[in-house]
Amino acid sequence: MICNPLCIHDNNDNDDHNYNEVFFRAGVLGQMEEFRDERLGKIMSWMQAWARGYLARKGFKKLQEQRVALKVVQRNLRKYMQLRTWPCSVL
């Protein structure tokens, strides 16, 4: 059997065998839970870092677009202030 070093078998001669039960040797279940906890911690910290990075990149992109828009508005306002007294611009 595949899990032979990890499992012990219950050899009851009952007709109603439950093949879903697995009996682990002493300490194996604790090791598996520790391994699972370590992996879950790594996965959760990776997901949190990815989400925080995504939100930071999204916010930075928004700030860059606002910066460009602000420059356009400032340039157009300066041009308007210079050209508002020209006779050809007065209607």
PDB file of N, CA and C in Angstrom:
ATOM      1  N   MET A   1       0.831  -1.173   0.000  1.00  0.00           N
ATOM      2  CA  MET A   1       0.000   0.000   0.000  1.00  0.00           C
ATOM      3  C   MET A   1       0.884   1.248   0.000  1.00  0.00           C
ATOM      4  N   ILE A   2       0.425   2.340  -0.559  1.00  0.00           N
ATOM      5  CA  ILE A   2       1.225   3.544  -0.747  1.00  0.00           C
ATOM      6  C   ILE A   2       1.610   4.174   0.580  1.00  0.00           C
ATOM      7  N   CYS A   3       0.684   4.289   1.504  1.00  0.00           N
ATOM      8  CA  CYS A   3       0.979   4.986   2.752  1.00  0.00           C
ATOM      9  C   CYS A   3       1.450   4.024   3.838  1.00  0.00           C
ATOM     10  N   ASN A   4       2.083   2.952   3.448  1.00  0.00           N
ATOM     11  CA  ASN A   4       2.520   1.931   4.400  1.00  0.00           C
ATOM     12  C   ASN A   4       3.423   2.471   5.495  1.00  0.00           C
ATOM     13  N   PRO A   5       4.421   3.317   5.196  1.00  0.00           N
ATOM     14  CA  PRO A   5       5.249   3.822   6.290  1.00  0.00           C
ATOM     15  C   PRO A   5       4.504   4.811   7.187  1.00  0.00           C
ATOM     16  N   LEU A   6       3.425   5.388   6.698  1.00  0.00           N
ATOM     17  CA  LEU A   6       2.701   6.377   7.471  1.00  0.00           C
ATOM     18  C   LEU A   6       1.497   5.799   8.198  1.00  0.00           C
ATOM     19  N   CYS A   7       0.965   4.712   7.720  1.00  0.00           N
ATOM     20  CA  CYS A   7      -0.322   4.224   8.205  1.00  0.00           C
ATOM     21  C   CYS A   7      -0.179   2.882   8.898  1.00  0.00           C
ATOM     22  N   ILE A   8      -1.138   2.607   9.738  1.00  0.00           N
ATOM     23  CA  ILE A   8      -1.302   1.262  10.266  1.00  0.00           C
ATOM     24  C   ILE A   8      -2.676   0.789   9.837  1.00  0.00           C
ATOM     25  N   HIS A   9      -2.832  -0.475   9.666  1.00  0.00           N
ATOM     26  CA  HIS A   9      -4.079  -1.002   9.138  1.00  0.00           C
ATOM     27  C   HIS A   9      -4.845  -1.696  10.244  1.00  0.00           C
ATOM     28  N   ASP A  10      -6.136  -1.533  10.201  1.00  0.00           N
ATOM     29  CA  ASP A  10      -7.013  -2.198  11.150  1.00  0.00           C
ATOM     30  C   ASP A  10      -7.578  -3.417  10.437  1.00  0.00           C
ATOM     31  N   ASN A  11      -7.113  -4.589  10.793  1.00  0.00           N
ATOM     32  CA  ASN A  11      -7.511  -5.811  10.098  1.00  0.00           C
ATOM     33  C   ASN A  11      -8.685  -6.484  10.807  1.00  0.00           C
ATOM     34  N   ASN A  12      -9.805  -5.812  10.807  1.00  0.00           N
ATOM     35  CA  ASN A  12     -11.017  -6.448  11.316  1.00  0.00           C
ATOM     36  C   ASN A  12     -11.641  -7.250  10.196  1.00  0.00           C
ATOM     37  N   ASP A  13     -12.202  -8.359  10.526  1.00  0.00           N
ATOM     38  CA  ASP A  13     -12.821  -9.188   9.492  1.00  0.00           C
ATOM     39  C   ASP A  13     -14.314  -8.928   9.387  1.00  0.00           C
ATOM     40  N   ASN A  14     -14.682  -7.664   9.499  1.00  0.00           N
ATOM     41  CA  ASN A  14     -16.093  -7.300   9.350  1.00  0.00           C
ATOM     42  C   ASN A  14     -16.427  -7.175   7.877  1.00  0.00           C
ATOM     43  N   ASP A  15     -17.688  -7.413   7.563  1.00  0.00           N
ATOM     44  CA  ASP A  15     -18.120  -7.281   6.177  1.00  0.00           C
ATOM     45  C   ASP A  15     -18.376  -5.824   5.800  1.00  0.00           C
ATOM     46  N   ASP A  16     -18.582  -4.994   6.772  1.00  0.00           N
ATOM     47  CA  ASP A  16     -18.888  -3.594   6.486  1.00  0.00           C
ATOM     48  C   ASP A  16     -17.627  -2.729   6.676  1.00  0.00           C
ATOM     49  N   HIS A  17     -16.665  -2.909   5.787  1.00  0.00           N
ATOM     50  CA  HIS A  17     -15.419  -2.140   5.860  1.00  0.00           C
ATOM     51  C   HIS A  17     -15.677  -0.709   5.411  1.00  0.00           C
ATOM     52  N   ASN A  18     -15.098   0.202   6.135  1.00  0.00           N
ATOM     53  CA  ASN A  18     -15.152   1.605   5.743  1.00  0.00           C
ATOM     54  C   ASN A  18     -13.776   1.953   5.178  1.00  0.00           C
ATOM     55  N   TYR A  19     -13.677   2.029   3.875  1.00  0.00           N
ATOM     56  CA  TYR A  19     -12.392   2.243   3.221  1.00  0.00           C
ATOM     57  C   TYR A  19     -11.973   3.713   3.256  1.00  0.00           C
ATOM     58  N   ASN A  20     -12.778   4.576   3.862  1.00  0.00           N
ATOM     59  CA  ASN A  20     -12.426   5.983   3.948  1.00  0.00           C
ATOM     60  C   ASN A  20     -11.614   6.294   5.191  1.00  0.00           C
ATOM     61  N   GLU A  21     -11.477   5.365   6.100  1.00  0.00           N
ATOM     62  CA  GLU A  21     -10.733   5.608   7.321  1.00  0.00           C
ATOM     63  C   GLU A  21      -9.251   5.308   7.110  1.00  0.00           C
ATOM     64  N   VAL A  22      -8.424   6.214   7.599  1.00  0.00           N
ATOM     65  CA  VAL A  22      -6.981   6.030   7.539  1.00  0.00           C
ATOM     66  C   VAL A  22      -6.465   6.217   8.951  1.00  0.00           C
ATOM     67  N   PHE A  23      -5.674   5.283   9.421  1.00  0.00           N
ATOM     68  CA  PHE A  23      -5.104   5.362  10.759  1.00  0.00           C
ATOM     69  C   PHE A  23      -3.622   5.672  10.621  1.00  0.00           C
ATOM     70  N   PHE A  24      -3.194   6.817  11.174  1.00  0.00           N
ATOM     71  CA  PHE A  24      -1.806   7.238  11.070  1.00  0.00           C
ATOM     72  C   PHE A  24      -1.024   6.750  12.273  1.00  0.00           C
ATOM     73  N   ARG A  25       0.256   6.575  12.065  1.00  0.00           N
ATOM     74  CA  ARG A  25       1.145   6.241  13.171  1.00  0.00           C
ATOM     75  C   ARG A  25       1.258   7.443  14.108  1.00  0.00           C
ATOM     76  N   ALA A  26       1.747   7.206  15.290  1.00  0.00           N
ATOM     77  CA  ALA A  26       1.845   8.266  16.291  1.00  0.00           C
ATOM     78  C   ALA A  26       2.760   9.384  15.790  1.00  0.00           C
ATOM     79  N   GLY A  27       2.290  10.608  15.874  1.00  0.00           N
ATOM     80  CA  GLY A  27       3.091  11.773  15.503  1.00  0.00           C
ATOM     81  C   GLY A  27       2.957  12.200  14.060  1.00  0.00           C
ATOM     82  N   VAL A  28       2.496  11.328  13.170  1.00  0.00           N
ATOM     83  CA  VAL A  28       2.433  11.669  11.747  1.00  0.00           C
ATOM     84  C   VAL A  28       1.368  12.730  11.503  1.00  0.00           C
ATOM     85  N   LEU A  29       0.232  12.597  12.168  1.00  0.00           N
ATOM     86  CA  LEU A  29      -0.832  13.572  11.978  1.00  0.00           C
ATOM     87  C   LEU A  29      -0.391  14.957  12.449  1.00  0.00           C
ATOM     88  N   GLY A  30       0.320  15.027  13.550  1.00  0.00           N
ATOM     89  CA  GLY A  30       0.834  16.309  14.035  1.00  0.00           C
ATOM     90  C   GLY A  30       1.815  16.929  13.060  1.00  0.00           C
ATOM     91  N   GLN A  31       2.686  16.102  12.466  1.00  0.00           N
ATOM     92  CA  GLN A  31       3.646  16.608  11.478  1.00  0.00           C
ATOM     93  C   GLN A  31       2.920  17.130  10.247  1.00  0.00           C
ATOM     94  N   MET A  32       1.888  16.405   9.831  1.00  0.00           N
ATOM     95  CA  MET A  32       1.120  16.838   8.658  1.00  0.00           C
ATOM     96  C   MET A  32       0.406  18.161   8.942  1.00  0.00           C
ATOM     97  N   GLU A  33      -0.129  18.317  10.146  1.00  0.00           N
ATOM     98  CA  GLU A  33      -0.797  19.570  10.494  1.00  0.00           C
ATOM     99  C   GLU A  33       0.199  20.722  10.554  1.00  0.00           C
ATOM    100  N   GLU A  34       1.396  20.481  11.089  1.00  0.00           N
ATOM    101  CA  GLU A  34       2.414  21.536  11.116  1.00  0.00           C
ATOM    102  C   GLU A  34       2.826  21.927   9.703  1.00  0.00           C
ATOM    103  N   PHE A  35       3.001  20.933   8.837  1.00  0.00           N
ATOM    104  CA  PHE A  35       3.355  21.208   7.444  1.00  0.00           C
ATOM    105  C   PHE A  35       2.249  22.014   6.771  1.00  0.00           C
ATOM    106  N   ARG A  36       1.000  21.627   7.014  1.00  0.00           N
ATOM    107  CA  ARG A  36      -0.134  22.340   6.432  1.00  0.00           C
ATOM    108  C   ARG A  36      -0.178  23.779   6.940  1.00  0.00           C
ATOM    109  N   ASP A  37       0.040  23.976   8.235  1.00  0.00           N
ATOM    110  CA  ASP A  37       0.031  25.325   8.801  1.00  0.00           C
ATOM    111  C   ASP A  37       1.133  26.185   8.194  1.00  0.00           C
ATOM    112  N   GLU A  38       2.317  25.621   8.010  1.00  0.00           N
ATOM    113  CA  GLU A  38       3.415  26.373   7.394  1.00  0.00           C
ATOM    114  C   GLU A  38       3.068  26.765   5.963  1.00  0.00           C
ATOM    115  N   ARG A  39       2.562  25.815   5.202  1.00  0.00           N
ATOM    116  CA  ARG A  39       2.211  26.107   3.805  1.00  0.00           C
ATOM    117  C   ARG A  39       1.088  27.133   3.720  1.00  0.00           C
ATOM    118  N   LEU A  40       0.080  26.978   4.577  1.00  0.00           N
ATOM    119  CA  LEU A  40      -1.022  27.933   4.572  1.00  0.00           C
ATOM    120  C   LEU A  40      -0.526  29.333   4.923  1.00  0.00           C
ATOM    121  N   GLY A  41       0.382  29.418   5.894  1.00  0.00           N
ATOM    122  CA  GLY A  41       0.941  30.717   6.256  1.00  0.00           C
ATOM    123  C   GLY A  41       1.685  31.350   5.098  1.00  0.00           C
ATOM    124  N   LYS A  42       2.474  30.559   4.387  1.00  0.00           N
ATOM    125  CA  LYS A  42       3.206  31.089   3.235  1.00  0.00           C
ATOM    126  C   LYS A  42       2.256  31.532   2.131  1.00  0.00           C
ATOM    127  N   ILE A  43       1.250  30.715   1.872  1.00  0.00           N
ATOM    128  CA  ILE A  43       0.287  31.045   0.809  1.00  0.00           C
ATOM    129  C   ILE A  43      -0.490  32.306   1.162  1.00  0.00           C
ATOM    130  N   MET A  44      -0.933  32.406   2.409  1.00  0.00           N
ATOM    131  CA  MET A  44      -1.708  33.581   2.814  1.00  0.00           C
ATOM    132  C   MET A  44      -0.850  34.845   2.785  1.00  0.00           C
ATOM    133  N   SER A  45       0.403  34.759   3.217  1.00  0.00           N
ATOM    134  CA  SER A  45       1.256  35.951   3.176  1.00  0.00           C
ATOM    135  C   SER A  45       1.561  36.327   1.724  1.00  0.00           C
ATOM    136  N   TRP A  46       1.721  35.344   0.841  1.00  0.00           N
ATOM    137  CA  TRP A  46       1.935  35.641  -0.586  1.00  0.00           C
ATOM    138  C   TRP A  46       0.711  36.326  -1.170  1.00  0.00           C
ATOM    139  N   MET A  47      -0.482  35.804  -0.852  1.00  0.00           N
ATOM    140  CA  MET A  47      -1.710  36.413  -1.376  1.00  0.00           C
ATOM    141  C   MET A  47      -1.884  37.832  -0.856  1.00  0.00           C
ATOM    142  N   GLN A  48      -1.579  38.053   0.425  1.00  0.00           N
ATOM    143  CA  GLN A  48      -1.703  39.391   0.999  1.00  0.00           C
ATOM    144  C   GLN A  48      -0.716  40.347   0.327  1.00  0.00           C
ATOM    145  N   ALA A  49       0.511  39.892   0.117  1.00  0.00           N
ATOM    146  CA  ALA A  49       1.510  40.739  -0.538  1.00  0.00           C
ATOM    147  C   ALA A  49       1.096  41.055  -1.968  1.00  0.00           C
ATOM    148  N   TRP A  50       0.554  40.066  -2.665  1.00  0.00           N
ATOM    149  CA  TRP A  50       0.106  40.290  -4.048  1.00  0.00           C
ATOM    150  C   TRP A  50      -1.033  41.308  -4.076  1.00  0.00           C
ATOM    151  N   ALA A  51      -2.007  41.161  -3.159  1.00  0.00           N
ATOM    152  CA  ALA A  51      -3.142  42.083  -3.132  1.00  0.00           C
ATOM    153  C   ALA A  51      -2.694  43.501  -2.784  1.00  0.00           C
ATOM    154  N   ARG A  52      -1.802  43.618  -1.796  1.00  0.00           N
ATOM    155  CA  ARG A  52      -1.317  44.947  -1.424  1.00  0.00           C
ATOM    156  C   ARG A  52      -0.528  45.575  -2.575  1.00  0.00           C
ATOM    157  N   GLY A  53       0.284  44.778  -3.256  1.00  0.00           N
ATOM    158  CA  GLY A  53       1.027  45.284  -4.403  1.00  0.00           C
ATOM    159  C   GLY A  53       0.115  45.728  -5.525  1.00  0.00           C
ATOM    160  N   TYR A  54      -0.939  44.944  -5.777  1.00  0.00           N
ATOM    161  CA  TYR A  54      -1.904  45.284  -6.828  1.00  0.00           C
ATOM    162  C   TYR A  54      -2.578  46.617  -6.512  1.00  0.00           C
ATOM    163  N   LEU A  55      -3.032  46.774  -5.259  1.00  0.00           N
ATOM    164  CA  LEU A  55      -3.693  48.022  -4.877  1.00  0.00           C
ATOM    165  C   LEU A  55      -2.728  49.200  -4.938  1.00  0.00           C
ATOM    166  N   ALA A  56      -1.479  48.980  -4.544  1.00  0.00           N
ATOM    167  CA  ALA A  56      -0.495  50.059  -4.604  1.00  0.00           C
ATOM    168  C   ALA A  56      -0.213  50.460  -6.049  1.00  0.00           C
ATOM    169  N   ARG A  57      -0.077  49.476  -6.944  1.00  0.00           N
ATOM    170  CA  ARG A  57       0.154  49.792  -8.363  1.00  0.00           C
ATOM    171  C   ARG A  57      -1.036  50.526  -8.962  1.00  0.00           C
ATOM    172  N   LYS A  58      -2.239  50.103  -8.577  1.00  0.00           N
ATOM    173  CA  LYS A  58      -3.451  50.752  -9.084  1.00  0.00           C
ATOM    174  C   LYS A  58      -3.522  52.201  -8.605  1.00  0.00           C
ATOM    175  N   GLY A  59      -3.219  52.431  -7.329  1.00  0.00           N
ATOM    176  CA  GLY A  59      -3.217  53.795  -6.795  1.00  0.00           C
ATOM    177  C   GLY A  59      -2.146  54.660  -7.427  1.00  0.00           C
ATOM    178  N   PHE A  60      -0.963  54.074  -7.657  1.00  0.00           N
ATOM    179  CA  PHE A  60       0.127  54.819  -8.291  1.00  0.00           C
ATOM    180  C   PHE A  60      -0.240  55.211  -9.716  1.00  0.00           C
ATOM    181  N   LYS A  61      -0.877  54.301 -10.442  1.00  0.00           N
ATOM    182  CA  LYS A  61      -1.298  54.599 -11.814  1.00  0.00           C
ATOM    183  C   LYS A  61      -2.316  55.743 -11.824  1.00  0.00           C
ATOM    184  N   LYS A  62      -3.225  55.727 -10.846  1.00  0.00           N
ATOM    185  CA  LYS A  62      -4.216  56.792 -10.756  1.00  0.00           C
ATOM    186  C   LYS A  62      -3.537  58.134 -10.476  1.00  0.00           C
ATOM    187  N   LEU A  63      -2.552  58.151  -9.579  1.00  0.00           N
ATOM    188  CA  LEU A  63      -1.822  59.384  -9.295  1.00  0.00           C
ATOM    189  C   LEU A  63      -1.062  59.888 -10.520  1.00  0.00           C
ATOM    190  N   GLN A  64      -0.485  58.971 -11.298  1.00  0.00           N
ATOM    191  CA  GLN A  64       0.233  59.374 -12.518  1.00  0.00           C
ATOM    192  C   GLN A  64      -0.725  60.010 -13.520  1.00  0.00           C
ATOM    193  N   GLU A  65      -1.907  59.423 -13.671  1.00  0.00           N
ATOM    194  CA  GLU A  65      -2.897  59.989 -14.606  1.00  0.00           C
ATOM    195  C   GLU A  65      -3.366  61.355 -14.129  1.00  0.00           C
ATOM    196  N   GLN A  66      -3.551  61.532 -12.810  1.00  0.00           N
ATOM    197  CA  GLN A  66      -3.957  62.825 -12.277  1.00  0.00           C
ATOM    198  C   GLN A  66      -2.863  63.866 -12.484  1.00  0.00           C
ATOM    199  N   ARG A  67      -1.605  63.435 -12.366  1.00  0.00           N
ATOM    200  CA  ARG A  67      -0.486  64.351 -12.567  1.00  0.00           C
ATOM    201  C   ARG A  67      -0.460  64.867 -14.007  1.00  0.00           C
ATOM    202  N   VAL A  68      -0.669  63.955 -14.947  1.00  0.00           N
ATOM    203  CA  VAL A  68      -0.696  64.351 -16.360  1.00  0.00           C
ATOM    204  C   VAL A  68      -1.872  65.284 -16.621  1.00  0.00           C
ATOM    205  N   ALA A  69      -3.033  64.952 -16.062  1.00  0.00           N
ATOM    206  CA  ALA A  69      -4.215  65.796 -16.255  1.00  0.00           C
ATOM    207  C   ALA A  69      -4.004  67.178 -15.647  1.00  0.00           C
ATOM    208  N   LEU A  70      -3.358  67.249 -14.489  1.00  0.00           N
ATOM    209  CA  LEU A  70      -3.091  68.530 -13.851  1.00  0.00           C
ATOM    210  C   LEU A  70      -2.168  69.386 -14.707  1.00  0.00           C
ATOM    211  N   LYS A  71      -1.167  68.764 -15.311  1.00  0.00           N
ATOM    212  CA  LYS A  71      -0.264  69.517 -16.192  1.00  0.00           C
ATOM    213  C   LYS A  71      -1.022  70.088 -17.389  1.00  0.00           C
ATOM    214  N   VAL A  72      -1.942  69.312 -17.946  1.00  0.00           N
ATOM    215  CA  VAL A  72      -2.725  69.776 -19.097  1.00  0.00           C
ATOM    216  C   VAL A  72      -3.592  70.964 -18.698  1.00  0.00           C
ATOM    217  N   VAL A  73      -4.256  70.847 -17.544  1.00  0.00           N
ATOM    218  CA  VAL A  73      -5.115  71.941 -17.075  1.00  0.00           C
ATOM    219  C   VAL A  73      -4.283  73.197 -16.813  1.00  0.00           C
ATOM    220  N   GLN A  74      -3.134  73.046 -16.163  1.00  0.00           N
ATOM    221  CA  GLN A  74      -2.286  74.205 -15.886  1.00  0.00           C
ATOM    222  C   GLN A  74      -1.804  74.859 -17.180  1.00  0.00           C
ATOM    223  N   ARG A  75      -1.396  74.046 -18.153  1.00  0.00           N
ATOM    224  CA  ARG A  75      -0.924  74.596 -19.435  1.00  0.00           C
ATOM    225  C   ARG A  75      -2.048  75.354 -20.136  1.00  0.00           C
ATOM    226  N   ASN A  76      -3.247  74.779 -20.152  1.00  0.00           N
ATOM    227  CA  ASN A  76      -4.364  75.443 -20.821  1.00  0.00           C
ATOM    228  C   ASN A  76      -4.774  76.725 -20.085  1.00  0.00           C
ATOM    229  N   LEU A  77      -4.697  76.720 -18.762  1.00  0.00           N
ATOM    230  CA  LEU A  77      -5.037  77.920 -18.001  1.00  0.00           C
ATOM    231  C   LEU A  77      -4.025  79.031 -18.259  1.00  0.00           C
ATOM    232  N   ARG A  78      -2.740  78.676 -18.332  1.00  0.00           N
ATOM    233  CA  ARG A  78      -1.716  79.680 -18.645  1.00  0.00           C
ATOM    234  C   ARG A  78      -1.952  80.285 -20.031  1.00  0.00           C
ATOM    235  N   LYS A  79      -2.246  79.433 -21.003  1.00  0.00           N
ATOM    236  CA  LYS A  79      -2.502  79.928 -22.370  1.00  0.00           C
ATOM    237  C   LYS A  79      -3.721  80.837 -22.384  1.00  0.00           C
ATOM    238  N   TYR A  80      -4.748  80.455 -21.645  1.00  0.00           N
ATOM    239  CA  TYR A  80      -5.952  81.290 -21.601  1.00  0.00           C
ATOM    240  C   TYR A  80      -5.646  82.652 -20.991  1.00  0.00           C
ATOM    241  N   MET A  81      -4.875  82.655 -19.899  1.00  0.00           N
ATOM    242  CA  MET A  81      -4.555  83.921 -19.238  1.00  0.00           C
ATOM    243  C   MET A  81      -3.715  84.816 -20.146  1.00  0.00           C
ATOM    244  N   GLN A  82      -2.866  84.222 -20.981  1.00  0.00           N
ATOM    245  CA  GLN A  82      -2.056  85.015 -21.907  1.00  0.00           C
ATOM    246  C   GLN A  82      -2.894  85.539 -23.074  1.00  0.00           C
ATOM    247  N   LEU A  83      -3.806  84.728 -23.562  1.00  0.00           N
ATOM    248  CA  LEU A  83      -4.520  85.077 -24.792  1.00  0.00           C
ATOM    249  C   LEU A  83      -5.872  85.753 -24.556  1.00  0.00           C
ATOM    250  N   ARG A  84      -6.292  85.943 -23.324  1.00  0.00           N
ATOM    251  CA  ARG A  84      -7.635  86.477 -23.090  1.00  0.00           C
ATOM    252  C   ARG A  84      -7.768  87.953 -23.457  1.00  0.00           C
ATOM    253  N   THR A  85      -6.654  88.635 -23.496  1.00  0.00           N
ATOM    254  CA  THR A  85      -6.723  90.071 -23.833  1.00  0.00           C
ATOM    255  C   THR A  85      -6.519  90.328 -25.332  1.00  0.00           C
ATOM    256  N   TRP A  86      -6.238  89.321 -26.102  1.00  0.00           N
ATOM    257  CA  TRP A  86      -6.045  89.528 -27.530  1.00  0.00           C
ATOM    258  C   TRP A  86      -7.377  89.945 -28.167  1.00  0.00           C
ATOM    259  N   PRO A  87      -7.312  90.839 -29.097  1.00  0.00           N
ATOM    260  CA  PRO A  87      -8.580  91.309 -29.716  1.00  0.00           C
ATOM    261  C   PRO A  87      -9.268  90.217 -30.550  1.00  0.00           C
ATOM    262  N   CYS A  88      -8.506  89.345 -31.139  1.00  0.00           N
ATOM    263  CA  CYS A  88      -9.134  88.308 -31.965  1.00  0.00           C
ATOM    264  C   CYS A  88      -9.831  87.248 -31.129  1.00  0.00           C
ATOM    265  N   SER A  89      -9.487  87.128 -29.832  1.00  0.00           N
ATOM    266  CA  SER A  89     -10.123  86.132 -28.991  1.00  0.00           C
ATOM    267  C   SER A  89     -11.388  86.652 -28.326  1.00  0.00           C
ATOM    268  N   VAL A  90     -11.603  87.979 -28.367  1.00  0.00           N
ATOM    269  CA  VAL A  90     -12.817  88.568 -27.785  1.00  0.00           C
ATOM    270  C   VAL A  90     -13.911  88.487 -28.811  1.00  0.00           C
ATOM    271  N   LEU A  91     -14.980  87.849 -28.483  1.00  0.00           N
ATOM    272  CA  LEU A  91     -16.096  87.741 -29.444  1.00  0.00           C
ATOM    273  C   LEU A  91     -17.233  88.637 -29.126  1.00  0.00           C
TER     274      LEU A  91
END
